[in-house]
């Protein structure tokens, strides 16, 4: 048996926004995924019970909770990567509040167990108003609520992507105190060490996610969000340990197939790496068909005969919604 991992998804929040479509595709046994750089190249991603592990990336899985039993009953092992921060509203205008997110996190952990729900305090945005003290206080408060509900927390520092710069300029014009600043080791390294100690004190191991900055001097080792070791521990399944070449060189994740599409998340987070245009995202979300083969649009997967020929192998190396 060759185990496959489905990523759902670095490119958008499927549990929050597209859960019905996902379950329809699980029942069908496959979905269509266009190449983000060339939409004429469409591949088919299969869901095979016992041979497919699903990794969910989300900041609001509440709408998907009703599907968990059905997904488990079909024989699919899965775990969640759950983004939970508590940032000023201008940074996350349509995201759920921290309090609501905490409540759902605890419900999800109670259903699945703490090993299958991983906290992402990500990305860490530094500014005049969001300095080290800000992050220590927010992180400590969240960690206290999540004690016993998760075993791992993942962090990264906000990266600078061109698709974010226009939004950041508008944010800074209205809220200069939120102007992001670069990480400076001499000033900010102590914060990382303090967060790692707080995590440990609350029963969590901290790891870094695709982080260019070496955080190991402050006790944070590079991690793998899509993690073959974790899959083996959770489900007694052996996942291929090959690094995912479609991700950035610093990303430690093993190979997976992402079934999401860019410009389809409507939470409107200013720091989002996967959304170039919020207007496009809203338009695509409004036109979403839960019965379609692909998440957005009506892309068709290759027929069985065509699948014998390789479809596009090149997946772009670029920023994603979840870092």
Protein backbone atom coordinates (compact mmCIF):
# COMPACT_ATOMS: atom_id res chain seq x y z
CA UNK A 1 0.00 0.00 0.00
CA UNK A 2 1.27 3.47 -0.92
CA UNK A 3 -0.03 5.94 1.61
CA UNK A 4 -1.07 9.33 0.26
CA UNK A 5 -1.56 12.55 2.21
CA UNK A 6 -4.18 15.10 1.20
CA UNK A 7 -3.62 18.69 2.38
CA UNK A 8 -6.93 20.52 2.90
CA UNK A 9 -5.60 23.12 2.53
CA UNK A 10 -2.69 25.54 2.68
CA UNK A 11 -4.45 27.66 0.06
CA UNK A 12 -7.81 28.25 1.75
CA UNK A 13 -9.87 27.29 4.78
CA UNK A 14 -11.82 24.25 3.61
CA UNK A 15 -13.32 23.27 7.01
CA UNK A 16 -14.64 26.79 7.55
CA UNK A 17 -15.92 27.58 4.07
CA UNK A 18 -16.06 24.51 1.85
CA UNK A 19 -16.85 21.54 4.08
CA UNK A 20 -19.91 20.38 2.13
CA UNK A 21 -17.90 20.35 -1.11
CA UNK A 22 -15.14 18.38 0.59
CA UNK A 23 -17.52 15.71 1.86
CA UNK A 24 -19.18 15.47 -1.56
CA UNK A 25 -15.76 14.77 -3.07
CA UNK A 26 -14.94 12.24 -0.37
CA UNK A 27 -18.14 10.41 -1.25
CA UNK A 28 -17.21 10.59 -4.94
CA UNK A 29 -13.73 9.30 -4.13
CA UNK A 30 -11.76 12.03 -5.91
CA UNK A 31 -11.57 15.72 -6.79
CA UNK A 32 -10.11 17.88 -9.55
CA UNK A 33 -7.27 20.30 -8.81
CA UNK A 34 -6.01 22.79 -11.42
CA UNK A 35 -2.35 23.74 -11.44
CA UNK A 36 -2.17 27.22 -9.82
CA UNK A 37 0.20 28.41 -12.55
CA UNK A 38 -1.60 26.86 -15.50
CA UNK A 39 -5.30 26.17 -15.10
CA UNK A 40 -5.34 24.10 -18.27
CA UNK A 41 -3.40 21.44 -16.41
CA UNK A 42 -5.82 19.65 -14.12
CA UNK A 43 -4.96 16.65 -11.98
CA UNK A 44 -7.12 14.16 -10.14
CA UNK A 45 -6.59 13.55 -6.43
CA UNK A 46 -8.09 10.30 -5.15
CA UNK A 47 -9.49 9.59 -1.69
CA UNK A 48 -9.00 5.91 -0.86
CA UNK A 49 -10.09 4.66 2.58
CA UNK A 50 -7.17 3.13 4.43
CA UNK A 51 -4.69 4.66 2.00
CA UNK A 52 -5.37 8.38 2.45
CA UNK A 53 -4.52 10.59 5.43
CA UNK A 54 -6.11 14.05 5.48
CA UNK A 55 -4.47 17.08 7.08
CA UNK A 56 -6.85 19.98 7.67
CA UNK A 57 -5.62 23.59 7.96
CA UNK A 58 -8.18 25.94 9.50
CA UNK A 59 -8.91 28.81 11.82
CA UNK A 60 -12.62 28.03 12.18
CA UNK A 61 -13.65 24.37 11.92
CA UNK A 62 -17.04 24.86 13.59
CA UNK A 63 -19.09 24.25 10.39
CA UNK A 64 -17.16 21.02 9.78
CA UNK A 65 -17.72 19.39 13.16
CA UNK A 66 -20.92 17.76 11.92
CA UNK A 67 -18.90 15.86 9.28
CA UNK A 68 -16.30 14.33 11.58
CA UNK A 69 -18.20 11.13 12.37
CA UNK A 70 -19.02 10.48 8.72
CA UNK A 71 -15.40 11.04 7.71
CA UNK A 72 -14.17 8.66 10.38
CA UNK A 73 -16.80 6.08 9.49
CA UNK A 74 -15.50 6.05 5.93
CA UNK A 75 -12.07 5.02 7.19
CA UNK A 76 -10.09 8.24 6.77
CA UNK A 77 -7.52 9.15 9.43
CA UNK A 78 -7.08 12.90 9.83
CA UNK A 79 -5.73 15.62 12.07
CA UNK A 80 -6.13 19.39 12.32
CA UNK A 81 -3.71 22.31 12.21
CA UNK A 82 -5.68 25.05 13.97
CA UNK A 83 -4.64 28.71 13.69
CA UNK A 84 -5.53 30.60 16.85
CA UNK A 85 -4.19 34.07 17.60
CA UNK A 86 -5.75 37.14 19.19
CA UNK A 87 -4.88 40.10 17.00
CA UNK A 88 -6.47 43.55 16.63
CA UNK A 89 -9.56 43.50 14.42
CA UNK A 90 -8.04 45.55 11.56
CA UNK A 91 -5.62 42.67 10.95
CA UNK A 92 -8.35 40.03 10.89
CA UNK A 93 -11.62 41.81 10.04
CA UNK A 94 -13.77 38.74 9.36
CA UNK A 95 -12.07 36.06 11.43
CA UNK A 96 -13.85 34.55 14.45
CA UNK A 97 -13.01 36.10 17.79
CA UNK A 98 -10.40 34.49 19.99
CA UNK A 99 -13.03 33.46 22.53
CA UNK A 100 -15.17 31.68 19.93
CA UNK A 101 -12.10 30.02 18.43
CA UNK A 102 -11.02 28.77 21.83
CA UNK A 103 -14.43 27.24 22.48
CA UNK A 104 -14.40 25.38 19.17
CA UNK A 105 -10.79 24.28 19.66
CA UNK A 106 -11.75 22.68 22.95
CA UNK A 107 -14.77 20.97 21.39
CA UNK A 108 -12.65 19.61 18.56
CA UNK A 109 -9.96 18.38 20.93
CA UNK A 110 -12.57 16.66 23.09
CA UNK A 111 -13.83 14.83 20.00
CA UNK A 112 -10.46 13.84 18.52
CA UNK A 113 -7.96 13.98 21.37
CA UNK A 114 -5.19 16.54 21.99
CA UNK A 115 -2.65 14.81 19.73
CA UNK A 116 -4.85 15.36 16.65
CA UNK A 117 -5.39 19.10 17.08
CA UNK A 118 -2.23 21.19 16.70
CA UNK A 119 -2.24 24.85 17.67
CA UNK A 120 -0.72 27.34 15.23
CA UNK A 121 0.20 30.68 16.77
CA UNK A 122 1.04 31.87 13.34
CA UNK A 123 2.17 34.18 11.92
CA UNK A 124 3.74 36.26 14.66
CA UNK A 125 3.22 39.87 13.59
CA UNK A 126 5.46 42.39 15.33
CA UNK A 127 4.63 46.10 15.51
CA UNK A 128 4.62 49.02 17.90
CA UNK A 129 1.25 47.91 19.28
CA UNK A 130 2.04 44.20 19.02
CA UNK A 131 5.38 44.08 20.79
CA UNK A 132 6.93 41.35 22.91
CA UNK A 133 4.70 42.08 25.90
CA UNK A 134 1.61 41.92 23.71
CA UNK A 135 2.55 38.46 22.41
CA UNK A 136 3.60 37.14 25.81
CA UNK A 137 0.26 38.13 27.32
CA UNK A 138 -1.90 36.83 24.47
CA UNK A 139 0.07 33.61 24.06
CA UNK A 140 0.02 32.89 27.80
CA UNK A 141 -3.72 33.46 28.01
CA UNK A 142 -4.46 31.16 25.08
CA UNK A 143 -2.00 28.51 26.26
CA UNK A 144 -3.65 28.44 29.67
CA UNK A 145 -7.05 27.75 28.07
CA UNK A 146 -5.57 25.07 25.81
CA UNK A 147 -3.71 23.21 28.55
CA UNK A 148 -4.44 19.54 28.01
CA UNK A 149 -6.23 20.20 24.70
CA UNK A 150 -3.13 20.05 22.47
CA UNK A 151 0.40 18.70 22.65
CA UNK A 152 2.08 20.91 20.06
CA UNK A 153 2.16 24.57 19.04
CA UNK A 154 3.67 25.83 15.80
CA UNK A 155 4.99 29.35 15.21
CA UNK A 156 6.52 31.41 12.42
CA UNK A 157 7.42 35.06 11.91
CA UNK A 158 5.37 36.96 9.34
CA UNK A 159 7.11 36.99 5.97
CA UNK A 160 7.08 39.81 3.42
CA UNK A 161 5.15 38.81 0.28
CA UNK A 162 4.45 41.16 -2.59
CA UNK A 163 0.74 40.27 -2.68
CA UNK A 164 0.38 41.62 0.88
CA UNK A 165 2.10 44.97 0.44
CA UNK A 166 -0.85 46.97 -0.87
CA UNK A 167 -3.02 45.78 2.00
CA UNK A 168 -0.28 46.55 4.50
CA UNK A 169 0.09 50.09 3.16
CA UNK A 170 -3.64 50.66 3.60
CA UNK A 171 -3.52 49.17 7.09
CA UNK A 172 -0.61 51.38 8.15
CA UNK A 173 -2.28 54.50 6.75
CA UNK A 174 -5.29 53.88 8.99
CA UNK A 175 -3.47 52.28 11.93
CA UNK A 176 0.18 53.33 12.03
CA UNK A 177 0.68 51.55 15.35
CA UNK A 178 0.12 48.24 13.53
CA UNK A 179 2.88 48.81 10.97
CA UNK A 180 4.75 45.47 10.84
CA UNK A 181 8.40 45.52 11.75
CA UNK A 182 11.10 43.01 10.96
CA UNK A 183 12.30 40.46 13.49
CA UNK A 184 15.56 41.58 15.11
CA UNK A 185 17.30 38.85 17.08
CA UNK A 186 18.79 41.20 19.67
CA UNK A 187 15.37 42.69 20.41
CA UNK A 188 12.93 39.88 19.68
CA UNK A 189 14.84 36.68 20.37
CA UNK A 190 13.93 36.77 24.05
CA UNK A 191 10.25 36.74 23.08
CA UNK A 192 10.67 33.46 21.18
CA UNK A 193 12.42 31.89 24.15
CA UNK A 194 9.69 33.08 26.49
CA UNK A 195 6.95 31.67 24.25
CA UNK A 196 8.75 28.32 24.11
CA UNK A 197 8.94 28.23 27.91
CA UNK A 198 5.28 29.16 28.24
CA UNK A 199 4.36 26.37 25.84
CA UNK A 200 6.41 23.84 27.80
CA UNK A 201 4.86 24.97 31.07
CA UNK A 202 1.42 24.22 29.60
CA UNK A 203 2.34 20.77 28.28
CA UNK A 204 3.09 21.73 24.68
CA UNK A 205 6.14 21.29 22.48
CA UNK A 206 6.89 24.27 20.25
CA UNK A 207 8.18 23.99 16.70
CA UNK A 208 8.87 26.40 13.84
CA UNK A 209 7.05 26.37 10.50
CA UNK A 210 9.03 27.04 7.30
CA UNK A 211 11.00 29.67 9.18
CA UNK A 212 13.94 31.39 7.49
CA UNK A 213 15.15 32.65 10.86
CA UNK A 214 16.97 30.07 12.95
CA UNK A 215 14.91 29.88 16.14
CA UNK A 216 16.92 27.06 17.70
CA UNK A 217 19.01 29.39 19.91
CA UNK A 218 15.74 30.15 21.74
CA UNK A 219 14.64 26.55 22.04
CA UNK A 220 12.44 26.20 18.94
CA UNK A 221 13.45 23.53 16.42
CA UNK A 222 12.18 23.39 12.83
CA UNK A 223 9.08 21.26 12.50
CA UNK A 224 6.85 19.49 10.00
CA UNK A 225 3.19 20.44 9.78
CA UNK A 226 2.53 17.54 7.41
CA UNK A 227 4.48 15.11 9.52
CA UNK A 228 5.23 11.49 8.69
CA UNK A 229 6.40 10.81 12.25
CA UNK A 230 3.15 12.16 13.70
CA UNK A 231 1.11 10.10 11.23
CA UNK A 232 2.94 6.98 12.30
CA UNK A 233 2.37 7.78 15.99
CA UNK A 234 -1.31 8.65 15.58
CA UNK A 235 -2.47 6.06 13.09
CA UNK A 236 0.27 3.39 12.91
CA UNK A 237 0.65 4.20 9.22
CA UNK A 238 3.93 4.63 7.38
CA UNK A 239 3.87 7.80 5.29
CA UNK A 240 6.58 8.52 2.71
CA UNK A 241 9.26 10.61 4.40
CA UNK A 242 10.29 12.52 1.29
CA UNK A 243 10.40 16.28 1.66
CA UNK A 244 7.72 18.08 -0.32
CA UNK A 245 9.69 19.73 -3.13
CA UNK A 246 6.74 21.96 -4.04
CA UNK A 247 7.20 23.85 -0.76
CA UNK A 248 9.91 26.33 0.17
CA UNK A 249 13.36 24.92 0.92
CA UNK A 250 12.98 25.70 4.64
CA UNK A 251 9.67 23.84 4.86
CA UNK A 252 10.05 20.46 6.56
CA UNK A 253 6.72 18.97 5.42
CA UNK A 254 6.64 15.62 3.66
CA UNK A 255 4.93 15.17 0.30
CA UNK A 256 1.20 15.76 0.05
CA UNK A 257 -1.40 16.76 -2.52
CA UNK A 258 -3.10 20.08 -1.81
CA UNK A 259 -6.70 20.24 -3.01
CA UNK A 260 -7.39 23.93 -2.32
CA UNK A 261 -7.33 26.93 -4.64
CA UNK A 262 -5.95 30.42 -4.10
CA UNK A 263 -8.08 33.56 -3.77
CA UNK A 264 -10.98 31.73 -2.17
CA UNK A 265 -10.74 32.54 1.56
CA UNK A 266 -13.02 35.35 2.75
CA UNK A 267 -11.70 35.96 6.27
CA UNK A 268 -9.80 39.00 4.97
CA UNK A 269 -6.67 38.67 7.12
CA UNK A 270 -4.22 41.37 6.04
CA UNK A 271 -1.23 39.06 6.47
CA UNK A 272 -2.73 36.27 4.31
CA UNK A 273 -0.14 34.80 1.96
CA UNK A 274 -2.62 32.94 -0.25
CA UNK A 275 -5.05 35.69 -1.21
CA UNK A 276 -4.01 38.32 -3.68
CA UNK A 277 -7.42 39.97 -3.99
CA UNK A 278 -10.15 39.87 -1.36
CA UNK A 279 -12.65 41.00 -4.00
CA UNK A 280 -11.73 37.97 -6.10
CA UNK A 281 -12.01 35.73 -3.06
CA UNK A 282 -15.51 37.00 -2.28
CA UNK A 283 -16.57 36.60 -5.90
CA UNK A 284 -15.21 33.08 -6.13
CA UNK A 285 -16.77 32.12 -2.83
CA UNK A 286 -20.15 33.46 -4.01
CA UNK A 287 -19.89 31.37 -7.18
CA UNK A 288 -18.78 28.21 -5.42
CA UNK A 289 -20.68 25.06 -6.39
CA UNK A 290 -20.52 22.36 -3.66
CA UNK A 291 -21.35 19.74 -6.31
CA UNK A 292 -18.46 20.67 -8.63
CA UNK A 293 -15.41 18.49 -9.15
CA UNK A 294 -13.06 21.36 -8.22
CA UNK A 295 -13.24 23.71 -5.26
CA UNK A 296 -13.72 26.82 -7.42
CA UNK A 297 -14.99 26.83 -10.98
CA UNK A 298 -15.84 23.68 -12.88
CA UNK A 299 -12.49 22.17 -13.70
CA UNK A 300 -12.72 18.56 -14.84
CA UNK A 301 -10.35 15.85 -13.74
CA UNK A 302 -8.62 13.71 -16.39
CA UNK A 303 -10.38 10.53 -17.41
CA UNK A 304 -8.97 7.21 -16.27
CA UNK A 305 -7.18 6.74 -19.60
CA UNK A 306 -5.64 10.19 -19.49
CA UNK A 307 -4.47 9.62 -15.94
CA UNK A 308 -1.92 7.15 -17.25
CA UNK A 309 -0.08 10.13 -18.65
CA UNK A 310 1.49 12.42 -16.07
CA UNK A 311 -0.38 15.65 -15.48
CA UNK A 312 1.40 18.80 -14.38
CA UNK A 313 4.14 17.99 -11.91
CA UNK A 314 5.17 21.57 -11.25
CA UNK A 315 3.51 23.13 -8.24
CA UNK A 316 4.62 26.69 -7.49
CA UNK A 317 6.83 27.40 -4.53
CA UNK A 318 5.09 30.36 -2.92
CA UNK A 319 3.44 31.52 0.25
CA UNK A 320 0.24 29.93 1.44
CA UNK A 321 -2.64 30.89 3.68
CA UNK A 322 -1.11 28.98 6.56
CA UNK A 323 2.52 29.92 6.07
